[in-house]
Amino acid sequence: MEAREFIHVRLHERKQYYSEPANYRMIIGDVRDGNWLTSVPEKKCAIVVMEGVSMYLTSKEVHELTENLCTHFEQIMFLMDCYTVLAAKLSKYKNPINDVGVTEVYGIDDPELFQHGEFVYVKEHEMTPQKYIDELTGIEKYIFGKLYAGSFSKKLYRLFEYRKV
């Protein structure tokens, strides 16, 4: 299965498990073409959270996506989680997405790679802030502290914030 098919299936299945209240609507579409944006009302500003998607997109495709968003909205706050280049390389050996046939994933190390025009990199966020790990106890606290926070986690996963102003 190509990444394109996987993304479509994943979004379609999401609708089976999550409801859509009056102020929330899920849209099925391929982020690599701008056609899905025609389903989104043109508003002055938007908060876009791209979670679990960037690793399936090339750098060029992410750049084109952000250009499409910038054309559609006057202001944007954009959060994107991503694999690092190391994580993308390691995923070839053991990764749950391999079980569904995805064979190519991408990672980035330089968040400024996606800046263009008024779309700028703001900062990196912690994937799992220490204050939440501190709420855990015992083995859970140890595992989360080692795997999902700090230097080890940062070698594999990143959370970047961008804005169009």
N, C-alpha and C. Protein backbone atom coordinates (compact mmCIF):
# COMPACT_ATOMS: atom_id res chain seq x y z
N MET A 1 0.85 -1.17 0.00
CA MET A 1 0.00 0.00 0.00
C MET A 1 0.89 1.24 0.00
N GLU A 2 0.61 2.16 -0.87
CA GLU A 2 1.35 3.41 -0.90
C GLU A 2 0.91 4.30 0.25
N ALA A 3 1.77 5.21 0.63
CA ALA A 3 1.45 6.13 1.72
C ALA A 3 0.16 6.89 1.43
N ARG A 4 -0.05 7.27 0.16
CA ARG A 4 -1.25 8.02 -0.22
C ARG A 4 -2.51 7.22 0.14
N GLU A 5 -2.52 5.94 -0.18
CA GLU A 5 -3.67 5.10 0.14
C GLU A 5 -3.82 4.94 1.65
N PHE A 6 -2.72 4.78 2.34
CA PHE A 6 -2.73 4.60 3.78
C PHE A 6 -3.35 5.80 4.48
N ILE A 7 -2.98 7.00 4.06
CA ILE A 7 -3.51 8.22 4.67
C ILE A 7 -5.02 8.28 4.46
N HIS A 8 -5.48 7.98 3.24
CA HIS A 8 -6.92 8.03 2.97
C HIS A 8 -7.67 7.03 3.84
N VAL A 9 -7.15 5.81 3.95
CA VAL A 9 -7.80 4.78 4.77
C VAL A 9 -7.82 5.22 6.24
N ARG A 10 -6.71 5.77 6.72
CA ARG A 10 -6.62 6.20 8.11
C ARG A 10 -7.65 7.28 8.43
N LEU A 11 -7.79 8.26 7.56
CA LEU A 11 -8.75 9.33 7.78
C LEU A 11 -10.19 8.81 7.70
N HIS A 12 -10.43 7.90 6.78
CA HIS A 12 -11.76 7.33 6.65
C HIS A 12 -12.14 6.56 7.91
N GLU A 13 -11.22 5.78 8.44
CA GLU A 13 -11.51 4.99 9.64
C GLU A 13 -11.70 5.87 10.86
N ARG A 14 -11.06 7.01 10.90
CA ARG A 14 -11.20 7.93 12.03
C ARG A 14 -12.67 8.31 12.24
N LYS A 15 -13.38 8.48 11.15
CA LYS A 15 -14.80 8.87 11.24
C LYS A 15 -15.64 7.76 11.87
N GLN A 16 -15.15 6.54 11.86
CA GLN A 16 -15.89 5.44 12.49
C GLN A 16 -15.78 5.48 14.02
N TYR A 17 -14.78 6.16 14.54
CA TYR A 17 -14.54 6.15 15.98
C TYR A 17 -14.77 7.49 16.66
N TYR A 18 -14.80 8.57 15.90
CA TYR A 18 -14.96 9.89 16.49
C TYR A 18 -16.18 10.57 15.91
N SER A 19 -16.92 11.22 16.78
CA SER A 19 -18.12 11.93 16.32
C SER A 19 -17.74 13.33 15.85
N GLU A 20 -18.69 13.94 15.15
CA GLU A 20 -18.49 15.30 14.64
C GLU A 20 -19.57 16.20 15.22
N PRO A 21 -19.26 16.85 16.34
CA PRO A 21 -20.25 17.80 16.88
C PRO A 21 -20.44 18.97 15.92
N ALA A 22 -21.38 19.82 16.23
CA ALA A 22 -21.75 20.90 15.32
C ALA A 22 -20.58 21.81 14.94
N ASN A 23 -19.62 22.01 15.84
CA ASN A 23 -18.53 22.93 15.57
C ASN A 23 -17.24 22.24 15.13
N TYR A 24 -17.35 21.00 14.70
CA TYR A 24 -16.16 20.22 14.32
C TYR A 24 -16.51 19.33 13.14
N ARG A 25 -15.66 19.36 12.12
CA ARG A 25 -15.94 18.53 10.94
C ARG A 25 -14.65 17.93 10.42
N MET A 26 -14.67 16.63 10.19
CA MET A 26 -13.52 15.95 9.62
C MET A 26 -13.68 15.90 8.10
N ILE A 27 -12.57 16.09 7.43
CA ILE A 27 -12.58 16.09 5.97
C ILE A 27 -11.62 15.02 5.48
N ILE A 28 -12.07 14.19 4.58
CA ILE A 28 -11.20 13.20 3.98
C ILE A 28 -10.63 13.78 2.70
N GLY A 29 -9.33 13.77 2.59
CA GLY A 29 -8.69 14.30 1.40
C GLY A 29 -7.20 14.02 1.45
N ASP A 30 -6.58 14.18 0.34
CA ASP A 30 -5.14 13.99 0.24
C ASP A 30 -4.47 15.35 0.44
N VAL A 31 -3.68 15.48 1.49
CA VAL A 31 -3.07 16.78 1.79
C VAL A 31 -2.08 17.20 0.72
N ARG A 32 -1.70 16.26 -0.15
CA ARG A 32 -0.73 16.59 -1.20
C ARG A 32 -1.32 17.36 -2.36
N ASP A 33 -2.62 17.37 -2.48
CA ASP A 33 -3.21 18.26 -3.48
C ASP A 33 -4.09 19.24 -2.72
N GLY A 34 -4.22 20.41 -3.21
CA GLY A 34 -4.94 21.46 -2.49
C GLY A 34 -6.45 21.37 -2.59
N ASN A 35 -6.98 20.36 -3.28
CA ASN A 35 -8.43 20.28 -3.52
C ASN A 35 -9.25 20.19 -2.24
N TRP A 36 -8.73 19.54 -1.20
CA TRP A 36 -9.50 19.39 0.03
C TRP A 36 -9.78 20.74 0.68
N LEU A 37 -8.96 21.75 0.40
CA LEU A 37 -9.18 23.06 1.00
C LEU A 37 -10.46 23.72 0.52
N THR A 38 -11.00 23.27 -0.62
CA THR A 38 -12.26 23.83 -1.08
C THR A 38 -13.40 23.47 -0.13
N SER A 39 -13.20 22.43 0.70
CA SER A 39 -14.20 22.04 1.70
C SER A 39 -14.09 22.83 2.99
N VAL A 40 -13.06 23.65 3.10
CA VAL A 40 -12.82 24.43 4.30
C VAL A 40 -13.21 25.88 4.02
N PRO A 41 -14.12 26.42 4.82
CA PRO A 41 -14.51 27.82 4.59
C PRO A 41 -13.31 28.75 4.72
N GLU A 42 -13.25 29.74 3.87
CA GLU A 42 -12.17 30.72 3.96
C GLU A 42 -12.45 31.62 5.15
N LYS A 43 -11.60 31.53 6.12
CA LYS A 43 -11.69 32.34 7.32
C LYS A 43 -10.41 33.16 7.42
N LYS A 44 -10.43 34.12 8.31
CA LYS A 44 -9.26 34.95 8.48
C LYS A 44 -8.09 34.15 9.04
N CYS A 45 -8.36 33.28 10.02
CA CYS A 45 -7.25 32.55 10.64
C CYS A 45 -7.63 31.09 10.88
N ALA A 46 -6.57 30.27 11.06
CA ALA A 46 -6.78 28.85 11.29
C ALA A 46 -5.68 28.31 12.18
N ILE A 47 -6.04 27.31 12.97
CA ILE A 47 -5.06 26.51 13.70
C ILE A 47 -5.03 25.16 13.00
N VAL A 48 -3.86 24.78 12.51
CA VAL A 48 -3.71 23.53 11.79
C VAL A 48 -2.78 22.63 12.59
N VAL A 49 -3.27 21.44 12.94
CA VAL A 49 -2.46 20.47 13.66
C VAL A 49 -2.27 19.28 12.72
N MET A 50 -1.04 19.09 12.30
CA MET A 50 -0.72 17.97 11.41
C MET A 50 -0.03 16.90 12.25
N GLU A 51 -0.84 15.94 12.67
CA GLU A 51 -0.36 14.91 13.58
C GLU A 51 -0.34 13.56 12.87
N GLY A 52 0.83 12.93 12.90
CA GLY A 52 0.95 11.59 12.33
C GLY A 52 0.87 11.55 10.82
N VAL A 53 1.19 12.66 10.15
CA VAL A 53 1.09 12.72 8.70
C VAL A 53 2.42 13.06 8.03
N SER A 54 3.19 13.94 8.63
CA SER A 54 4.37 14.48 7.95
C SER A 54 5.37 13.41 7.52
N MET A 55 5.45 12.31 8.25
CA MET A 55 6.42 11.28 7.90
C MET A 55 6.11 10.58 6.57
N TYR A 56 4.90 10.77 6.08
CA TYR A 56 4.51 10.18 4.80
C TYR A 56 4.71 11.15 3.63
N LEU A 57 5.12 12.36 3.93
CA LEU A 57 5.25 13.40 2.92
C LEU A 57 6.71 13.76 2.71
N THR A 58 7.07 13.98 1.46
CA THR A 58 8.41 14.50 1.18
C THR A 58 8.50 15.94 1.64
N SER A 59 9.69 16.47 1.76
CA SER A 59 9.86 17.87 2.13
C SER A 59 9.15 18.78 1.14
N LYS A 60 9.23 18.44 -0.13
CA LYS A 60 8.56 19.25 -1.16
C LYS A 60 7.04 19.24 -0.95
N GLU A 61 6.48 18.09 -0.59
CA GLU A 61 5.03 18.00 -0.38
C GLU A 61 4.59 18.79 0.85
N VAL A 62 5.39 18.78 1.92
CA VAL A 62 5.06 19.59 3.09
C VAL A 62 5.12 21.07 2.73
N HIS A 63 6.14 21.44 1.98
CA HIS A 63 6.28 22.84 1.56
C HIS A 63 5.07 23.26 0.72
N GLU A 64 4.64 22.42 -0.22
CA GLU A 64 3.48 22.75 -1.06
C GLU A 64 2.21 22.84 -0.22
N LEU A 65 2.07 21.95 0.77
CA LEU A 65 0.91 22.00 1.67
C LEU A 65 0.86 23.33 2.40
N THR A 66 1.98 23.75 2.95
CA THR A 66 1.99 25.00 3.71
C THR A 66 1.76 26.20 2.79
N GLU A 67 2.22 26.13 1.56
CA GLU A 67 1.92 27.21 0.60
C GLU A 67 0.42 27.26 0.32
N ASN A 68 -0.22 26.09 0.14
CA ASN A 68 -1.67 26.06 -0.10
C ASN A 68 -2.43 26.63 1.10
N LEU A 69 -2.00 26.29 2.30
CA LEU A 69 -2.65 26.82 3.50
C LEU A 69 -2.48 28.34 3.58
N CYS A 70 -1.30 28.82 3.26
CA CYS A 70 -1.04 30.26 3.30
C CYS A 70 -1.87 31.02 2.28
N THR A 71 -2.14 30.39 1.16
CA THR A 71 -3.00 31.02 0.16
C THR A 71 -4.44 31.07 0.64
N HIS A 72 -4.86 30.05 1.37
CA HIS A 72 -6.26 29.93 1.80
C HIS A 72 -6.58 30.78 3.03
N PHE A 73 -5.62 30.94 3.93
CA PHE A 73 -5.88 31.66 5.19
C PHE A 73 -4.95 32.87 5.32
N GLU A 74 -5.47 33.92 5.95
CA GLU A 74 -4.65 35.11 6.19
C GLU A 74 -3.63 34.87 7.30
N GLN A 75 -4.06 34.18 8.36
CA GLN A 75 -3.18 33.87 9.48
C GLN A 75 -3.28 32.39 9.80
N ILE A 76 -2.15 31.80 10.21
CA ILE A 76 -2.13 30.37 10.53
C ILE A 76 -1.21 30.14 11.72
N MET A 77 -1.66 29.28 12.62
CA MET A 77 -0.79 28.65 13.60
C MET A 77 -0.73 27.20 13.18
N PHE A 78 0.46 26.69 12.94
CA PHE A 78 0.64 25.35 12.36
C PHE A 78 1.55 24.54 13.27
N LEU A 79 1.05 23.42 13.77
CA LEU A 79 1.84 22.49 14.58
C LEU A 79 2.03 21.20 13.80
N MET A 80 3.26 20.71 13.77
CA MET A 80 3.55 19.51 13.00
C MET A 80 4.49 18.61 13.80
N ASP A 81 4.05 17.38 14.04
CA ASP A 81 4.98 16.41 14.60
C ASP A 81 5.66 15.70 13.45
N CYS A 82 6.88 15.29 13.66
CA CYS A 82 7.59 14.64 12.57
C CYS A 82 8.67 13.70 13.11
N TYR A 83 9.06 12.78 12.26
CA TYR A 83 10.23 11.95 12.53
C TYR A 83 11.47 12.79 12.24
N THR A 84 12.54 12.47 12.91
CA THR A 84 13.84 13.00 12.51
C THR A 84 14.35 12.13 11.36
N VAL A 85 15.43 12.55 10.73
CA VAL A 85 16.03 11.74 9.67
C VAL A 85 16.44 10.38 10.23
N LEU A 86 17.00 10.36 11.44
CA LEU A 86 17.39 9.10 12.07
C LEU A 86 16.19 8.18 12.26
N ALA A 87 15.09 8.69 12.77
CA ALA A 87 13.89 7.88 12.99
C ALA A 87 13.37 7.32 11.67
N ALA A 88 13.41 8.11 10.62
CA ALA A 88 12.95 7.64 9.32
C ALA A 88 13.81 6.47 8.85
N LYS A 89 15.12 6.57 9.05
CA LYS A 89 16.01 5.48 8.66
C LYS A 89 15.75 4.23 9.51
N LEU A 90 15.58 4.42 10.82
CA LEU A 90 15.34 3.29 11.72
C LEU A 90 14.00 2.63 11.47
N SER A 91 13.03 3.38 10.96
CA SER A 91 11.69 2.82 10.74
C SER A 91 11.69 1.71 9.71
N LYS A 92 12.72 1.63 8.90
CA LYS A 92 12.79 0.56 7.91
C LYS A 92 12.97 -0.80 8.58
N TYR A 93 13.47 -0.79 9.81
CA TYR A 93 13.74 -2.04 10.50
C TYR A 93 12.59 -2.50 11.37
N LYS A 94 11.96 -1.59 12.08
CA LYS A 94 10.84 -1.97 12.93
C LYS A 94 9.94 -0.77 13.15
N ASN A 95 8.76 -0.85 12.59
CA ASN A 95 7.80 0.23 12.75
C ASN A 95 6.41 -0.35 12.46
N PRO A 96 5.42 -0.04 13.28
CA PRO A 96 4.07 -0.58 13.04
C PRO A 96 3.51 -0.26 11.66
N ILE A 97 3.93 0.86 11.06
CA ILE A 97 3.40 1.19 9.74
C ILE A 97 3.88 0.21 8.68
N ASN A 98 4.99 -0.49 8.96
CA ASN A 98 5.46 -1.50 8.01
C ASN A 98 4.43 -2.62 7.86
N ASP A 99 3.66 -2.87 8.92
CA ASP A 99 2.65 -3.93 8.89
C ASP A 99 1.52 -3.65 7.92
N VAL A 100 1.33 -2.40 7.55
CA VAL A 100 0.28 -2.07 6.58
C VAL A 100 0.85 -1.79 5.20
N GLY A 101 2.15 -2.04 5.06
CA GLY A 101 2.75 -1.97 3.74
C GLY A 101 3.40 -0.65 3.37
N VAL A 102 3.47 0.31 4.27
CA VAL A 102 4.15 1.57 3.97
C VAL A 102 5.64 1.31 4.00
N THR A 103 6.32 1.64 2.92
CA THR A 103 7.75 1.31 2.81
C THR A 103 8.66 2.53 2.80
N GLU A 104 8.11 3.72 2.67
CA GLU A 104 8.94 4.92 2.60
C GLU A 104 8.38 5.99 3.54
N VAL A 105 9.20 6.41 4.48
CA VAL A 105 8.83 7.52 5.35
C VAL A 105 9.96 8.54 5.34
N TYR A 106 9.63 9.75 5.79
CA TYR A 106 10.57 10.85 5.70
C TYR A 106 10.74 11.51 7.06
N GLY A 107 11.90 12.08 7.27
CA GLY A 107 12.16 12.80 8.50
C GLY A 107 12.84 14.12 8.20
N ILE A 108 12.75 15.04 9.15
CA ILE A 108 13.45 16.32 9.01
C ILE A 108 14.17 16.64 10.31
N ASP A 109 15.28 17.30 10.19
CA ASP A 109 16.03 17.76 11.35
C ASP A 109 16.05 19.28 11.44
N ASP A 110 15.88 19.95 10.32
CA ASP A 110 15.96 21.41 10.28
C ASP A 110 14.56 22.00 10.08
N PRO A 111 13.96 22.53 11.14
CA PRO A 111 12.60 23.06 11.02
C PRO A 111 12.49 24.27 10.11
N GLU A 112 13.59 24.96 9.89
CA GLU A 112 13.55 26.16 9.04
C GLU A 112 13.42 25.79 7.56
N LEU A 113 13.54 24.52 7.25
CA LEU A 113 13.41 24.03 5.88
C LEU A 113 12.08 24.43 5.25
N PHE A 114 11.02 24.54 6.07
CA PHE A 114 9.68 24.80 5.53
C PHE A 114 9.26 26.26 5.58
N GLN A 115 10.13 27.14 6.02
CA GLN A 115 9.81 28.56 6.03
C GLN A 115 9.71 29.10 4.61
N HIS A 116 8.78 29.99 4.39
CA HIS A 116 8.67 30.70 3.11
C HIS A 116 7.80 31.91 3.30
N GLY A 117 8.19 33.00 2.70
CA GLY A 117 7.41 34.23 2.78
C GLY A 117 7.08 34.59 4.22
N GLU A 118 5.79 34.69 4.50
CA GLU A 118 5.31 35.04 5.84
C GLU A 118 5.15 33.81 6.73
N PHE A 119 5.40 32.63 6.20
CA PHE A 119 5.27 31.39 6.97
C PHE A 119 6.62 31.10 7.63
N VAL A 120 6.67 31.27 8.96
CA VAL A 120 7.95 31.20 9.66
C VAL A 120 7.92 30.17 10.79
N TYR A 121 9.09 29.61 11.03
CA TYR A 121 9.30 28.71 12.16
C TYR A 121 9.30 29.54 13.43
N VAL A 122 8.55 29.07 14.45
CA VAL A 122 8.46 29.79 15.72
C VAL A 122 9.31 29.13 16.79
N LYS A 123 9.03 27.85 17.06
CA LYS A 123 9.79 27.14 18.09
C LYS A 123 9.48 25.65 18.06
N GLU A 124 10.28 24.92 18.81
CA GLU A 124 10.06 23.49 18.99
C GLU A 124 9.43 23.27 20.36
N HIS A 125 8.45 22.38 20.40
CA HIS A 125 7.79 22.02 21.65
C HIS A 125 8.27 20.65 22.09
N GLU A 126 8.16 20.39 23.38
CA GLU A 126 8.46 19.06 23.90
C GLU A 126 7.33 18.12 23.49
N MET A 127 7.68 16.91 23.10
CA MET A 127 6.65 15.93 22.75
C MET A 127 5.85 15.52 23.99
N THR A 128 6.55 15.31 25.08
CA THR A 128 5.90 14.98 26.35
C THR A 128 6.52 15.88 27.42
N PRO A 129 5.86 16.95 27.80
CA PRO A 129 6.43 17.86 28.80
C PRO A 129 6.69 17.16 30.13
N GLN A 130 7.75 17.54 30.77
CA GLN A 130 8.18 16.92 32.03
C GLN A 130 7.09 16.98 33.09
N LYS A 131 6.29 18.04 33.10
CA LYS A 131 5.25 18.15 34.14
C LYS A 131 4.25 16.99 34.07
N TYR A 132 4.01 16.45 32.88
CA TYR A 132 3.10 15.31 32.76
C TYR A 132 3.78 14.01 33.17
N ILE A 133 5.05 13.89 32.89
CA ILE A 133 5.80 12.71 33.32
C ILE A 133 5.88 12.68 34.84
N ASP A 134 6.03 13.85 35.45
CA ASP A 134 6.11 13.95 36.91
C ASP A 134 4.82 13.49 37.59
N GLU A 135 3.72 13.48 36.87
CA GLU A 135 2.45 13.01 37.44
C GLU A 135 2.39 11.48 37.51
N LEU A 136 3.26 10.81 36.78
CA LEU A 136 3.28 9.35 36.77
C LEU A 136 4.09 8.83 37.95
N THR A 137 3.96 7.53 38.19
CA THR A 137 4.73 6.90 39.26
C THR A 137 5.34 5.60 38.77
N GLY A 138 6.32 5.11 39.51
CA GLY A 138 6.89 3.79 39.26
C GLY A 138 7.47 3.61 37.88
N ILE A 139 7.22 2.43 37.32
CA ILE A 139 7.80 2.04 36.04
C ILE A 139 7.29 2.92 34.89
N GLU A 140 6.02 3.35 34.98
CA GLU A 140 5.47 4.22 33.94
C GLU A 140 6.26 5.52 33.85
N LYS A 141 6.57 6.10 35.02
CA LYS A 141 7.33 7.34 35.05
C LYS A 141 8.72 7.11 34.44
N TYR A 142 9.34 6.01 34.77
CA TYR A 142 10.68 5.71 34.25
C TYR A 142 10.64 5.51 32.72
N ILE A 143 9.68 4.73 32.24
CA ILE A 143 9.59 4.44 30.80
C ILE A 143 9.29 5.71 30.01
N PHE A 144 8.29 6.46 30.45
CA PHE A 144 7.96 7.69 29.73
C PHE A 144 9.11 8.69 29.79
N GLY A 145 9.77 8.76 30.92
CA GLY A 145 10.89 9.68 31.07
C GLY A 145 12.04 9.35 30.13
N LYS A 146 12.27 8.07 29.90
CA LYS A 146 13.37 7.64 29.03
C LYS A 146 12.99 7.63 27.55
N LEU A 147 11.79 7.16 27.24
CA LEU A 147 11.41 6.97 25.84
C LEU A 147 10.72 8.15 25.19
N TYR A 148 9.93 8.89 25.95
CA TYR A 148 9.07 9.91 25.35
C TYR A 148 9.41 11.33 25.73
N ALA A 149 10.52 11.52 26.40
CA ALA A 149 10.94 12.87 26.78
C ALA A 149 12.46 12.92 26.76
N GLY A 150 12.99 14.11 26.74
CA GLY A 150 14.43 14.27 26.85
C GLY A 150 15.17 13.98 25.56
N SER A 151 16.47 13.75 25.70
CA SER A 151 17.36 13.67 24.55
C SER A 151 17.07 12.47 23.65
N PHE A 152 16.68 11.32 24.21
CA PHE A 152 16.40 10.16 23.37
C PHE A 152 15.22 10.42 22.46
N SER A 153 14.16 10.91 23.04
CA SER A 153 12.95 11.21 22.25
C SER A 153 13.24 12.24 21.17
N LYS A 154 14.03 13.25 21.52
CA LYS A 154 14.32 14.33 20.58
C LYS A 154 15.14 13.83 19.39
N LYS A 155 15.87 12.74 19.56
CA LYS A 155 16.62 12.15 18.45
C LYS A 155 15.70 11.48 17.44
N LEU A 156 14.46 11.20 17.85
CA LEU A 156 13.53 10.48 16.99
C LEU A 156 12.32 11.29 16.55
N TYR A 157 11.75 12.07 17.44
CA TYR A 157 10.50 12.77 17.16
C TYR A 157 10.63 14.23 17.53
N ARG A 158 9.97 15.08 16.72
CA ARG A 158 10.02 16.52 16.98
C ARG A 158 8.62 17.10 16.81
N LEU A 159 8.38 18.21 17.46
CA LEU A 159 7.10 18.92 17.36
C LEU A 159 7.42 20.39 17.10
N PHE A 160 7.14 20.83 15.87
CA PHE A 160 7.50 22.17 15.44
C PHE A 160 6.26 23.05 15.32
N GLU A 161 6.45 24.32 15.66
CA GLU A 161 5.38 25.32 15.52
C GLU A 161 5.80 26.34 14.48
N TYR A 162 4.86 26.65 13.58
CA TYR A 162 5.05 27.67 12.55
C TYR A 162 3.88 28.63 12.61
N ARG A 163 4.07 29.80 12.02
CA ARG A 163 2.98 30.77 11.92
C ARG A 163 3.08 31.52 10.61
N LYS A 164 1.92 31.88 10.12
CA LYS A 164 1.84 32.86 9.03
C LYS A 164 1.26 34.10 9.67
N VAL A 165 1.99 35.17 9.54
CA VAL A 165 1.54 36.42 10.18
C VAL A 165 1.33 37.51 9.15
